[in-house]
Amino acid sequence: MYCQFLAVHVFNLNIMKLITIIVLLFSAFTLSSQTRYAKIIDFDGVPQGARQIVPYGDEYFVSYYQVCINRAGNLLEECGGLLKIDDLGTISDSNLIREFSVSFNSILADDTRNKLYFCGEPNIDNNYANEFLLGEVNDEILNDYNFKSFKFPNNEQTNYFLINSNFFNGKIILDGSSRNSRNDTISTIVLTINSDDYLDTFVKIDVGFFTLPWTSYVDQNQRFSLHVQSKIGITRYSHILKFDTSFQQVWHWSSEVSNNQQLPYGCQLRDGKTLVAMTTPGFSYIGSVWAINEDKSVAWKFEFPDKNGGQRRDILRLKELKNGDILGVGYYGDTRNDNPDFLEIPFMFRLNNKGQLLWLKAFYRDKYKPNGSLLVGSFLDAEELENGDILAVGHIRNYVEHDPIINGPREDNDILIVRTDANGCINDACLKVTKLEDVISTTTNHPTYLPVSYLFPNPSGGQTDVFNPEQVLFIELYDMAGTKVYETYDITNGIQTEGLHGVYLAHIHIKSGEVVRQKVVFY
């Protein structure tokens, strides 16, 4: 009797285990299919695109650029900002900084000190800047930032263009380019900012008539590494330069002479090899990947298969993944007659650490311009998630039939966020060139005419009015300890703040679903 009971009990347990496994597998499959996606984000129907994605805490920060409407009412002014998203691409906060240009690496996250920095250069009606801007951003309130200006201590250096930011030897490093007004040469400039936010070191680097930096990082030997392109006459060279903590050059690799259209983006691998994107010989618009040994010999070269004169493959970022594989992103095009007219569409590829291609994927939208060609786009950055998925950001172009500002049609870049599995698949078909059919589009209002400020005056002595009250559902006020001290749904005549004194954080709930956060002062 006992044995029979035991047998039945075990049998029931096994059934329950089997059912549980099936449910878990089904749930995992359902969750997996829901978490691979393509999202297009469009603020206000004006051009924008993403340039960088950085993990920080439990979320991701994305830098983006946007063409803003300037004070004359024209789409001329460049703005820059941050998006805070989760791994599902959901935006929890954003900001937009007027007359500001973001760079290739504008976000600098310091997890050890819980600090988030944002950098770029001022951009007023697309005029060149003569300084770099660096600011610490409050990751809880993205509109809370304070920029400081840094420049080379020589007034002959003008036309600043920031590219990268890094931590090196306990300091913040900003690198970019500037033009010398006396001899018209373009140099790479490197500025170091100490812990007190003061300019500490400045370096000017020239390896040709013009020298432009495209990638910088600190390698495993604690050397500051720069990938630059130089030009002498009409000939372009790619260089990798490495500096010690005193910014003395200790290593220099130079490419062969070539008509190098591919910029030298790259990184260092854990095995000590340095990756650099190079032009494929004989195909000036097709990038390749080279691995350089510490002794400056070439360890291996990867060239895309099926090369032809109608193809374009531009590599815009290279990263090493957790298992040692290499991920590259950029844009792909193929204009042969027997292929669709993919001029420039976002693509990514994965290599193993021997330089062998594992897969290549490209993505497009089936929306045409009047001339019949597909709209263009690119990936500029990607991050590997904990489960091996890939979260890539960039832009893809839309088309506006009629823009009242220019009184006609125009192309319109939108922010593109795509999450794939470890094989670059966004769906079960997992094609080499995938049509983004199930795109989740997000159109949201972002104040491009005025800075984000819905409560005014600020500071206020009692009566506080609401800018654009027709957009607002309700308003909450929190003190600096995080306690809610005020809430109102009646905002037609402003909000009454008698009895409140000090600094508060306003949560302004917009009908579009956004929550605008604003620091306000009542006296």
Protein backbone atom coordinates (compact mmCIF):
# COMPACT_ATOMS: atom_id res chain seq x y z
CA MET A 1 0.00 0.00 0.00
CA TYR A 2 2.82 2.40 0.87
CA CYS A 3 4.70 1.55 -2.33
CA GLN A 4 1.60 2.15 -4.45
CA PHE A 5 1.02 5.53 -2.81
CA LEU A 6 4.65 6.44 -3.33
CA ALA A 7 4.51 5.46 -7.00
CA VAL A 8 1.35 7.47 -7.60
CA HIS A 9 2.82 10.43 -5.74
CA VAL A 10 6.01 10.37 -7.82
CA PHE A 11 3.99 10.00 -11.01
CA ASN A 12 1.90 13.04 -10.11
CA LEU A 13 5.02 14.96 -9.20
CA ASN A 14 6.56 14.17 -12.59
CA ILE A 15 3.41 15.33 -14.36
CA MET A 16 3.45 18.54 -12.35
CA LYS A 17 7.14 19.05 -13.20
CA LEU A 18 6.43 18.43 -16.88
CA ILE A 19 3.52 20.88 -16.87
CA THR A 20 5.66 23.44 -15.04
CA ILE A 21 8.50 23.05 -17.57
CA ILE A 22 6.07 23.44 -20.49
CA VAL A 23 4.54 26.55 -18.93
CA LEU A 24 7.97 28.02 -18.25
CA LEU A 25 9.17 27.26 -21.77
CA PHE A 26 6.02 28.78 -23.25
CA SER A 27 6.36 31.83 -21.01
CA ALA A 28 10.01 32.21 -21.92
CA PHE A 29 9.20 31.90 -25.62
CA THR A 30 6.37 34.43 -25.30
CA LEU A 31 8.53 36.81 -23.29
CA SER A 32 11.40 36.38 -25.75
CA SER A 33 9.17 37.13 -28.74
CA GLN A 34 7.86 40.22 -26.97
CA THR A 35 11.26 41.57 -26.04
CA ARG A 36 12.73 41.63 -29.58
CA TYR A 37 11.47 44.73 -31.30
CA ALA A 38 12.10 47.75 -33.47
CA LYS A 39 11.00 51.11 -32.10
CA ILE A 40 10.93 54.43 -33.90
CA ILE A 41 10.81 57.54 -31.74
CA ASP A 42 9.76 60.84 -33.26
CA PHE A 43 9.73 64.04 -31.22
CA ASP A 44 7.56 66.72 -32.84
CA GLY A 45 8.05 65.48 -36.42
CA VAL A 46 11.48 67.11 -36.74
CA PRO A 47 14.72 65.28 -37.69
CA GLN A 48 16.58 63.41 -34.94
CA GLY A 49 18.76 60.34 -34.41
CA ALA A 50 20.58 58.44 -31.64
CA ARG A 51 24.39 58.34 -31.39
CA GLN A 52 25.32 56.40 -28.26
CA ILE A 53 23.85 54.00 -25.67
CA VAL A 54 25.41 53.50 -22.22
CA PRO A 55 24.22 51.26 -19.35
CA TYR A 56 24.00 53.01 -16.00
CA GLY A 57 22.33 51.50 -12.97
CA ASP A 58 19.34 49.45 -14.08
CA GLU A 59 18.64 51.55 -17.16
CA TYR A 60 20.24 52.81 -20.35
CA PHE A 61 21.04 56.35 -21.42
CA VAL A 62 20.90 57.27 -25.10
CA SER A 63 22.36 60.46 -26.53
CA TYR A 64 20.49 61.94 -29.46
CA TYR A 65 20.66 64.92 -31.78
CA GLN A 66 17.72 66.91 -33.09
CA VAL A 67 17.23 69.71 -35.57
CA CYS A 68 15.34 72.40 -33.72
CA ILE A 69 13.34 75.38 -34.85
CA ASN A 70 15.51 78.42 -34.30
CA ARG A 71 14.36 81.82 -33.12
CA ALA A 72 13.64 82.88 -36.70
CA GLY A 73 11.25 79.93 -37.11
CA ASN A 74 13.46 77.81 -39.37
CA LEU A 75 14.73 74.24 -39.00
CA LEU A 76 18.35 75.28 -38.62
CA GLU A 77 19.41 74.91 -35.03
CA GLU A 78 21.00 71.72 -33.72
CA CYS A 79 19.98 70.51 -30.28
CA GLY A 80 21.12 67.53 -28.25
CA GLY A 81 19.73 65.51 -25.42
CA LEU A 82 19.44 62.30 -23.43
CA LEU A 83 16.82 59.57 -23.30
CA LYS A 84 16.54 57.28 -20.30
CA ILE A 85 15.16 53.90 -21.38
CA ASP A 86 14.78 50.36 -20.05
CA ASP A 87 15.72 47.21 -21.96
CA LEU A 88 12.28 47.22 -23.61
CA GLY A 89 13.00 50.61 -25.15
CA THR A 90 10.47 52.40 -22.95
CA ILE A 91 11.37 56.04 -22.29
CA SER A 92 11.14 57.04 -18.63
CA ASP A 93 12.71 60.50 -18.98
CA SER A 94 14.33 62.78 -21.54
CA ASN A 95 15.78 66.22 -21.96
CA LEU A 96 16.59 68.52 -24.85
CA ILE A 97 19.36 71.12 -24.72
CA ARG A 98 19.04 74.04 -27.11
CA GLU A 99 22.01 75.15 -29.21
CA PHE A 100 23.99 72.07 -28.23
CA SER A 101 25.64 69.37 -30.34
CA VAL A 102 26.21 65.82 -29.06
CA SER A 103 29.24 63.80 -30.13
CA PHE A 104 30.11 60.19 -30.93
CA ASN A 105 30.78 59.55 -27.21
CA SER A 106 28.91 62.25 -25.26
CA ILE A 107 27.85 60.13 -22.28
CA LEU A 108 30.34 59.30 -19.55
CA ALA A 109 29.06 57.10 -16.73
CA ASP A 110 31.02 56.72 -13.49
CA ASP A 111 29.38 53.86 -11.58
CA THR A 112 31.94 53.94 -8.76
CA ARG A 113 31.08 57.53 -7.84
CA ASN A 114 27.46 57.43 -9.09
CA LYS A 115 28.02 60.27 -11.53
CA LEU A 116 26.71 60.76 -15.04
CA TYR A 117 28.40 63.27 -17.34
CA PHE A 118 27.21 64.69 -20.66
CA CYS A 119 29.40 66.61 -23.07
CA GLY A 120 29.43 68.26 -26.48
CA GLU A 121 29.89 71.73 -27.88
CA PRO A 122 27.65 74.77 -28.30
CA ASN A 123 25.95 74.97 -31.69
CA ILE A 124 24.18 78.23 -32.50
CA ASP A 125 22.57 78.20 -35.95
CA ASN A 126 25.21 75.64 -37.00
CA ASN A 127 28.12 78.01 -36.39
CA TYR A 128 31.38 76.46 -35.19
CA ALA A 129 32.09 76.41 -31.47
CA ASN A 130 35.28 77.59 -29.78
CA GLU A 131 34.92 75.49 -26.64
CA PHE A 132 33.92 72.09 -25.29
CA LEU A 133 31.06 71.74 -22.79
CA LEU A 134 31.01 69.22 -19.94
CA GLY A 135 28.23 68.84 -17.42
CA GLU A 136 27.24 66.51 -14.62
CA VAL A 137 23.66 65.32 -15.10
CA ASN A 138 21.25 64.22 -12.40
CA ASP A 139 20.20 60.76 -13.64
CA GLU A 140 16.90 61.10 -11.74
CA ILE A 141 16.05 64.51 -13.21
CA LEU A 142 17.63 64.80 -16.64
CA ASN A 143 16.80 68.50 -16.89
CA ASP A 144 19.02 69.13 -13.89
CA TYR A 145 22.46 69.74 -15.37
CA ASN A 146 25.21 72.34 -15.16
CA PHE A 147 27.69 72.77 -18.03
CA LYS A 148 31.21 74.11 -17.75
CA SER A 149 33.30 75.38 -20.66
CA PHE A 150 36.80 74.13 -21.53
CA LYS A 151 39.07 75.24 -24.35
CA PHE A 152 42.66 75.05 -25.53
CA PRO A 153 44.62 77.99 -24.02
CA ASN A 154 45.52 79.40 -27.43
CA ASN A 155 43.16 81.78 -29.19
CA GLU A 156 44.46 80.62 -32.57
CA GLN A 157 42.71 77.27 -32.03
CA THR A 158 39.10 77.71 -33.26
CA ASN A 159 36.22 75.65 -34.68
CA TYR A 160 36.02 73.03 -31.94
CA PHE A 161 34.37 69.66 -32.65
CA LEU A 162 34.13 67.24 -29.71
CA ILE A 163 34.24 63.49 -30.49
CA ASN A 164 34.94 61.46 -27.32
CA SER A 165 35.01 61.48 -23.53
CA ASN A 166 36.83 59.05 -21.24
CA PHE A 167 38.17 58.52 -17.72
CA PHE A 168 41.97 58.29 -17.58
CA ASN A 169 44.34 58.41 -14.61
CA GLY A 170 41.60 59.78 -12.34
CA LYS A 171 40.64 62.55 -14.75
CA ILE A 172 38.03 63.21 -17.40
CA ILE A 173 39.43 63.31 -20.93
CA LEU A 174 37.76 65.25 -23.75
CA ASP A 175 39.13 64.84 -27.25
CA GLY A 176 38.14 66.29 -30.58
CA SER A 177 39.50 68.58 -33.25
CA SER A 178 40.09 72.26 -33.85
CA ARG A 179 41.38 74.45 -36.66
CA ASN A 180 44.35 76.79 -36.39
CA SER A 181 43.26 80.18 -37.68
CA ARG A 182 46.83 81.15 -38.61
CA ASN A 183 47.82 78.25 -40.91
CA ASP A 184 44.40 76.58 -41.42
CA THR A 185 45.60 73.16 -40.22
CA ILE A 186 43.21 70.88 -38.33
CA SER A 187 44.60 69.16 -35.23
CA THR A 188 43.43 66.66 -32.66
CA ILE A 189 43.19 68.29 -29.24
CA VAL A 190 43.00 66.48 -25.92
CA LEU A 191 41.92 68.21 -22.69
CA THR A 192 42.07 66.62 -19.23
CA ILE A 193 39.73 67.81 -16.46
CA ASN A 194 40.74 67.17 -12.85
CA SER A 195 38.47 66.17 -9.97
CA ASP A 196 37.81 69.84 -9.17
CA ASP A 197 36.49 70.39 -12.72
CA TYR A 198 39.43 72.50 -13.81
CA LEU A 199 41.50 72.18 -16.97
CA ASP A 200 44.57 70.15 -16.05
CA THR A 201 46.41 69.17 -19.25
CA PHE A 202 46.09 70.12 -22.91
CA VAL A 203 47.69 68.31 -25.84
CA LYS A 204 47.69 69.08 -29.57
CA ILE A 205 48.40 66.18 -31.95
CA ASP A 206 49.36 66.42 -35.62
CA VAL A 207 50.29 63.54 -37.93
CA GLY A 208 49.42 65.32 -41.19
CA PHE A 209 47.90 68.49 -42.58
CA PHE A 210 44.72 67.56 -40.80
CA THR A 211 44.34 65.05 -37.97
CA LEU A 212 40.86 64.02 -36.83
CA PRO A 213 40.17 61.65 -33.89
CA TRP A 214 37.39 59.07 -34.28
CA THR A 215 37.81 56.65 -31.37
CA SER A 216 39.50 56.92 -27.98
CA TYR A 217 39.69 54.60 -24.99
CA VAL A 218 42.02 53.47 -22.21
CA ASP A 219 43.63 50.13 -23.11
CA GLN A 220 44.44 47.25 -20.75
CA ASN A 221 47.98 48.58 -20.28
CA GLN A 222 46.57 51.88 -18.99
CA ARG A 223 47.54 53.82 -22.11
CA PHE A 224 45.29 56.46 -23.59
CA SER A 225 44.56 55.25 -27.12
CA LEU A 226 43.47 57.38 -30.07
CA HIS A 227 42.36 56.23 -33.52
CA VAL A 228 42.88 59.16 -35.88
CA GLN A 229 42.78 59.81 -39.59
CA SER A 230 45.27 62.16 -41.21
CA LYS A 231 45.46 63.67 -44.67
CA ILE A 232 48.52 64.73 -46.60
CA GLY A 233 47.56 66.12 -49.99
CA ILE A 234 44.76 63.84 -51.22
CA THR A 235 46.11 60.77 -49.43
CA ARG A 236 44.48 59.58 -46.23
CA TYR A 237 46.13 57.50 -43.51
CA SER A 238 44.72 55.75 -40.45
CA HIS A 239 46.74 55.81 -37.22
CA ILE A 240 46.52 54.29 -33.75
CA LEU A 241 48.37 56.34 -31.14
CA LYS A 242 48.93 55.35 -27.51
CA PHE A 243 50.08 57.67 -24.71
CA ASP A 244 51.29 57.14 -21.15
CA THR A 245 49.84 58.99 -18.15
CA SER A 246 52.08 62.00 -18.94
CA PHE A 247 50.70 62.03 -22.49
CA GLN A 248 54.02 61.02 -23.98
CA GLN A 249 53.50 58.97 -27.12
CA VAL A 250 54.65 55.37 -26.52
CA TRP A 251 53.09 53.47 -29.46
CA HIS A 252 52.17 54.36 -33.04
CA TRP A 253 50.71 52.19 -35.78
CA SER A 254 50.07 53.62 -39.25
CA SER A 255 48.05 52.10 -42.09
CA GLU A 256 49.15 51.52 -45.64
CA VAL A 257 48.47 54.33 -48.10
CA SER A 258 44.95 54.00 -49.49
CA ASN A 259 41.92 55.90 -50.64
CA ASN A 260 40.49 55.35 -47.19
CA GLN A 261 36.80 56.29 -47.01
CA GLN A 262 36.30 54.10 -43.93
CA LEU A 263 37.01 55.99 -40.70
CA PRO A 264 39.30 54.18 -38.21
CA TYR A 265 36.75 53.30 -35.51
CA GLY A 266 37.94 50.53 -33.22
CA CYS A 267 38.61 49.12 -29.76
CA GLN A 268 41.00 46.81 -27.93
CA LEU A 269 40.28 43.13 -27.30
CA ARG A 270 40.99 41.31 -24.06
CA ASP A 271 43.73 39.29 -25.79
CA GLY A 272 45.66 42.55 -26.38
CA LYS A 273 44.92 42.93 -30.07
CA THR A 274 43.64 46.30 -31.28
CA LEU A 275 40.77 46.41 -33.77
CA VAL A 276 40.51 49.12 -36.39
CA ALA A 277 38.01 49.57 -39.22
CA MET A 278 39.76 49.97 -42.58
CA THR A 279 38.81 50.38 -46.23
CA THR A 280 38.83 47.12 -48.22
CA PRO A 281 41.53 47.37 -50.91
CA GLY A 282 39.93 47.93 -54.31
CA PHE A 283 36.55 48.84 -52.77
CA SER A 284 36.78 52.32 -51.31
CA TYR A 285 33.22 52.29 -49.91
CA ILE A 286 33.37 48.89 -48.20
CA GLY A 287 34.81 48.71 -44.69
CA SER A 288 36.81 45.82 -43.27
CA VAL A 289 38.19 44.93 -39.83
CA TRP A 290 41.88 44.56 -39.00
CA ALA A 291 43.35 43.14 -35.77
CA ILE A 292 46.73 44.64 -34.87
CA ASN A 293 49.19 42.88 -32.55
CA GLU A 294 51.18 44.68 -29.87
CA ASP A 295 54.27 44.31 -32.07
CA LYS A 296 52.33 46.27 -34.77
CA SER A 297 51.98 43.29 -37.10
CA VAL A 298 48.54 42.47 -38.54
CA ALA A 299 47.08 39.43 -36.73
CA TRP A 300 44.16 39.01 -39.12
CA LYS A 301 41.95 40.89 -41.54
CA PHE A 302 38.24 40.41 -42.12
CA GLU A 303 36.66 41.44 -45.43
CA PHE A 304 32.96 41.01 -46.16
CA PRO A 305 32.19 38.26 -48.70
CA ASP A 306 30.55 38.89 -52.09
CA LYS A 307 32.19 42.26 -52.62
CA ASN A 308 31.14 44.29 -55.64
CA GLY A 309 31.35 47.89 -56.80
CA GLY A 310 27.69 48.56 -55.99
CA GLN A 311 27.98 47.82 -52.28
CA ARG A 312 28.53 50.12 -49.32
CA ARG A 313 29.40 48.94 -45.85
CA ASP A 314 30.42 51.64 -43.41
CA ILE A 315 31.49 50.50 -39.92
CA LEU A 316 30.65 53.08 -37.25
CA ARG A 317 31.37 51.15 -34.03
CA LEU A 318 33.27 48.01 -32.99
CA LYS A 319 32.86 46.35 -29.58
CA GLU A 320 34.00 43.16 -27.88
CA LEU A 321 31.19 41.01 -26.43
CA LYS A 322 31.26 39.01 -23.22
CA ASN A 323 32.33 35.74 -24.88
CA GLY A 324 35.12 37.42 -26.89
CA ASP A 325 33.13 37.81 -30.12
CA ILE A 326 33.15 41.15 -31.93
CA LEU A 327 30.08 43.22 -32.76
CA GLY A 328 30.11 45.87 -35.44
CA VAL A 329 27.38 48.33 -36.46
CA GLY A 330 26.95 50.90 -39.20
CA TYR A 331 25.10 51.05 -42.51
CA TYR A 332 24.84 48.78 -45.53
CA GLY A 333 23.90 49.45 -49.13
CA ASP A 334 23.64 47.42 -52.33
CA THR A 335 22.63 49.10 -55.57
CA ARG A 336 23.04 46.18 -57.98
CA ASN A 337 20.20 45.75 -60.48
CA ASP A 338 19.24 42.30 -59.13
CA ASN A 339 18.78 43.62 -55.59
CA PRO A 340 16.44 46.11 -53.93
CA ASP A 341 17.71 49.65 -53.88
CA PHE A 342 19.11 49.62 -50.35
CA LEU A 343 21.14 52.79 -50.39
CA GLU A 344 22.09 53.04 -46.72
CA ILE A 345 20.22 50.96 -44.17
CA PRO A 346 21.12 50.00 -40.57
CA PHE A 347 23.22 46.84 -40.29
CA MET A 348 25.14 44.87 -37.69
CA PHE A 349 27.52 41.94 -37.89
CA ARG A 350 29.24 39.51 -35.53
CA LEU A 351 32.73 38.01 -35.82
CA ASN A 352 34.50 35.49 -33.63
CA ASN A 353 37.84 36.48 -32.10
CA LYS A 354 39.66 34.96 -35.09
CA GLY A 355 37.96 37.36 -37.49
CA GLN A 356 35.49 34.87 -38.98
CA LEU A 357 32.01 36.12 -39.87
CA LEU A 358 29.24 34.54 -37.79
CA TRP A 359 26.33 36.57 -39.18
CA LEU A 360 25.33 39.83 -40.81
CA LYS A 361 21.89 41.46 -40.55
CA ALA A 362 20.42 44.60 -42.11
CA PHE A 363 17.05 46.27 -41.48
CA TYR A 364 14.87 48.52 -43.60
CA ARG A 365 11.42 50.09 -43.72
CA ASP A 366 9.24 49.60 -46.77
CA LYS A 367 8.50 53.28 -47.20
CA TYR A 368 9.56 55.05 -50.35
CA LYS A 369 10.53 58.53 -51.32
CA PRO A 370 8.86 59.93 -54.45
CA ASN A 371 11.84 58.87 -56.58
CA GLY A 372 11.19 55.23 -55.65
CA SER A 373 14.25 54.58 -53.50
CA LEU A 374 14.09 53.23 -49.99
CA LEU A 375 14.75 55.58 -47.12
CA VAL A 376 18.15 55.41 -45.44
CA GLY A 377 19.42 54.91 -41.91
CA SER A 378 22.24 53.50 -39.78
CA PHE A 379 23.17 52.06 -36.40
CA LEU A 380 25.72 54.09 -34.45
CA ASP A 381 26.02 52.09 -31.24
CA ALA A 382 24.91 48.87 -29.55
CA GLU A 383 25.03 47.23 -26.11
CA GLU A 384 24.99 43.55 -25.18
CA LEU A 385 22.34 42.76 -22.55
CA GLU A 386 22.73 40.30 -19.69
CA ASN A 387 20.95 37.51 -21.60
CA GLY A 388 23.07 38.03 -24.73
CA ASP A 389 20.50 40.11 -26.63
CA ILE A 390 21.72 43.16 -28.53
CA LEU A 391 20.22 46.63 -28.10
CA ALA A 392 21.21 48.88 -31.02
CA VAL A 393 20.45 52.57 -31.59
CA GLY A 394 20.71 54.91 -34.56
CA HIS A 395 18.33 56.52 -37.00
CA ILE A 396 16.08 55.65 -39.90
CA ARG A 397 14.63 58.17 -42.29
CA ASN A 398 10.93 58.92 -42.60
CA TYR A 399 9.28 61.14 -45.18
CA VAL A 400 7.10 64.17 -44.44
CA GLU A 401 4.66 64.89 -47.27
CA HIS A 402 4.20 68.51 -46.26
CA ASP A 403 6.13 70.55 -43.74
CA PRO A 404 4.47 73.89 -42.99
CA ILE A 405 7.83 75.40 -42.00
CA ILE A 406 9.40 74.91 -45.44
CA ASN A 407 6.01 74.71 -47.20
CA GLY A 408 6.85 71.44 -48.94
CA PRO A 409 8.01 67.82 -48.52
CA ARG A 410 11.21 66.78 -46.77
CA GLU A 411 13.01 63.76 -45.40
CA ASP A 412 12.80 63.29 -41.63
CA ASN A 413 15.24 61.22 -39.54
CA ASP A 414 13.71 59.38 -36.57
CA ILE A 415 15.42 57.67 -33.63
CA LEU A 416 15.68 53.91 -34.17
CA ILE A 417 16.01 51.41 -31.31
CA VAL A 418 16.23 47.72 -32.22
CA ARG A 419 16.60 44.75 -29.89
CA THR A 420 17.68 41.41 -31.41
CA ASP A 421 18.77 38.10 -29.96
CA ALA A 422 22.42 37.04 -29.90
CA ASN A 423 22.15 35.97 -33.56
CA GLY A 424 20.86 39.34 -34.75
CA CYS A 425 17.32 38.01 -35.15
CA ILE A 426 14.30 40.19 -34.52
CA ASN A 427 11.77 37.51 -35.52
CA ASP A 428 11.56 33.80 -36.38
CA ALA A 429 12.38 34.37 -40.06
CA CYS A 430 15.74 35.96 -39.15
CA LEU A 431 16.53 37.07 -42.69
CA LYS A 432 19.81 38.63 -43.75
CA VAL A 433 17.90 41.75 -44.83
CA THR A 434 14.78 42.17 -42.68
CA LYS A 435 11.81 44.37 -43.35
CA LEU A 436 10.71 46.13 -40.15
CA GLU A 437 7.00 45.42 -40.42
CA ASP A 438 5.99 45.42 -36.75
CA VAL A 439 7.63 48.69 -35.83
CA ILE A 440 6.39 50.26 -32.60
CA SER A 441 6.18 53.96 -33.44
CA THR A 442 6.27 56.54 -30.69
CA THR A 443 5.38 60.12 -31.52
CA THR A 444 5.70 62.36 -28.53
CA ASN A 445 5.74 66.07 -27.89
CA HIS A 446 9.04 67.59 -26.94
CA PRO A 447 9.37 71.35 -26.47
CA THR A 448 11.56 72.42 -29.39
CA TYR A 449 10.35 76.02 -29.38
CA LEU A 450 11.01 76.68 -25.70
CA PRO A 451 13.13 75.03 -23.02
CA VAL A 452 11.36 72.52 -20.77
CA SER A 453 9.65 74.72 -18.18
CA TYR A 454 5.96 74.27 -17.52
CA LEU A 455 5.72 76.14 -14.22
CA PHE A 456 6.45 79.82 -14.03
CA PRO A 457 7.50 82.12 -12.53
CA ASN A 458 10.28 80.11 -10.95
CA PRO A 459 11.12 81.01 -8.16
CA SER A 460 7.56 81.89 -7.12
CA GLY A 461 6.09 83.65 -4.12
CA GLY A 462 2.67 81.96 -4.11
CA GLN A 463 0.72 81.93 -7.41
CA THR A 464 2.36 79.67 -10.02
CA ASP A 465 1.04 79.48 -13.56
CA VAL A 466 1.21 76.50 -15.93
CA PHE A 467 2.61 76.78 -19.45
CA ASN A 468 0.33 74.97 -21.97
CA PRO A 469 -2.26 73.91 -19.34
CA GLU A 470 -4.36 72.17 -22.02
CA GLN A 471 -1.63 69.49 -22.26
CA VAL A 472 -1.55 68.75 -18.52
CA LEU A 473 -3.59 66.13 -16.61
CA PHE A 474 -2.41 66.80 -13.07
CA ILE A 475 0.58 68.05 -11.08
CA GLU A 476 2.33 66.64 -8.02
CA LEU A 477 4.94 68.33 -5.84
CA TYR A 478 7.57 66.38 -3.87
CA ASP A 479 9.98 67.70 -1.28
CA MET A 480 13.69 66.82 -1.44
CA ALA A 481 13.09 63.81 0.84
CA GLY A 482 10.73 62.34 -1.78
CA THR A 483 7.50 62.99 0.14
CA LYS A 484 4.50 64.17 -1.87
CA VAL A 485 3.32 67.45 -0.40
CA TYR A 486 0.84 68.69 -3.02
CA GLU A 487 -1.40 67.39 -5.79
CA THR A 488 -3.92 69.13 -8.02
CA TYR A 489 -6.04 68.33 -11.06
CA ASP A 490 -7.41 71.85 -11.31
CA ILE A 491 -4.68 73.79 -13.11
CA THR A 492 -6.77 76.16 -15.25
CA ASN A 493 -5.92 79.12 -13.03
CA GLY A 494 -2.47 77.93 -12.06
CA ILE A 495 -1.58 76.27 -8.79
CA GLN A 496 -1.73 77.74 -5.29
CA THR A 497 1.50 77.21 -3.37
CA GLU A 498 0.94 79.28 -0.24
CA GLY A 499 2.57 77.59 2.74
CA LEU A 500 5.25 75.89 0.64
CA HIS A 501 8.76 77.22 1.09
CA GLY A 502 12.01 75.82 -0.31
CA VAL A 503 13.00 73.56 -3.22
CA TYR A 504 10.53 71.02 -4.62
CA LEU A 505 10.34 68.62 -7.55
CA ALA A 506 7.24 69.01 -9.71
CA HIS A 507 5.89 65.96 -11.56
CA ILE A 508 3.75 67.36 -14.38
CA HIS A 509 1.67 64.57 -15.94
CA ILE A 510 1.05 65.26 -19.65
CA LYS A 511 -1.91 63.87 -21.60
CA SER A 512 0.50 62.16 -24.01
CA GLY A 513 1.63 59.95 -21.12
CA GLU A 514 4.90 61.75 -20.40
CA VAL A 515 5.85 63.05 -16.99
CA VAL A 516 7.78 66.33 -17.08
CA ARG A 517 9.94 66.82 -14.00
CA GLN A 518 10.91 70.34 -12.99
CA LYS A 519 12.76 71.66 -10.00
CA VAL A 520 10.89 74.66 -8.57
CA VAL A 521 11.58 77.10 -5.75
CA PHE A 522 8.91 78.74 -3.57
CA TYR A 523 9.72 81.57 -1.19
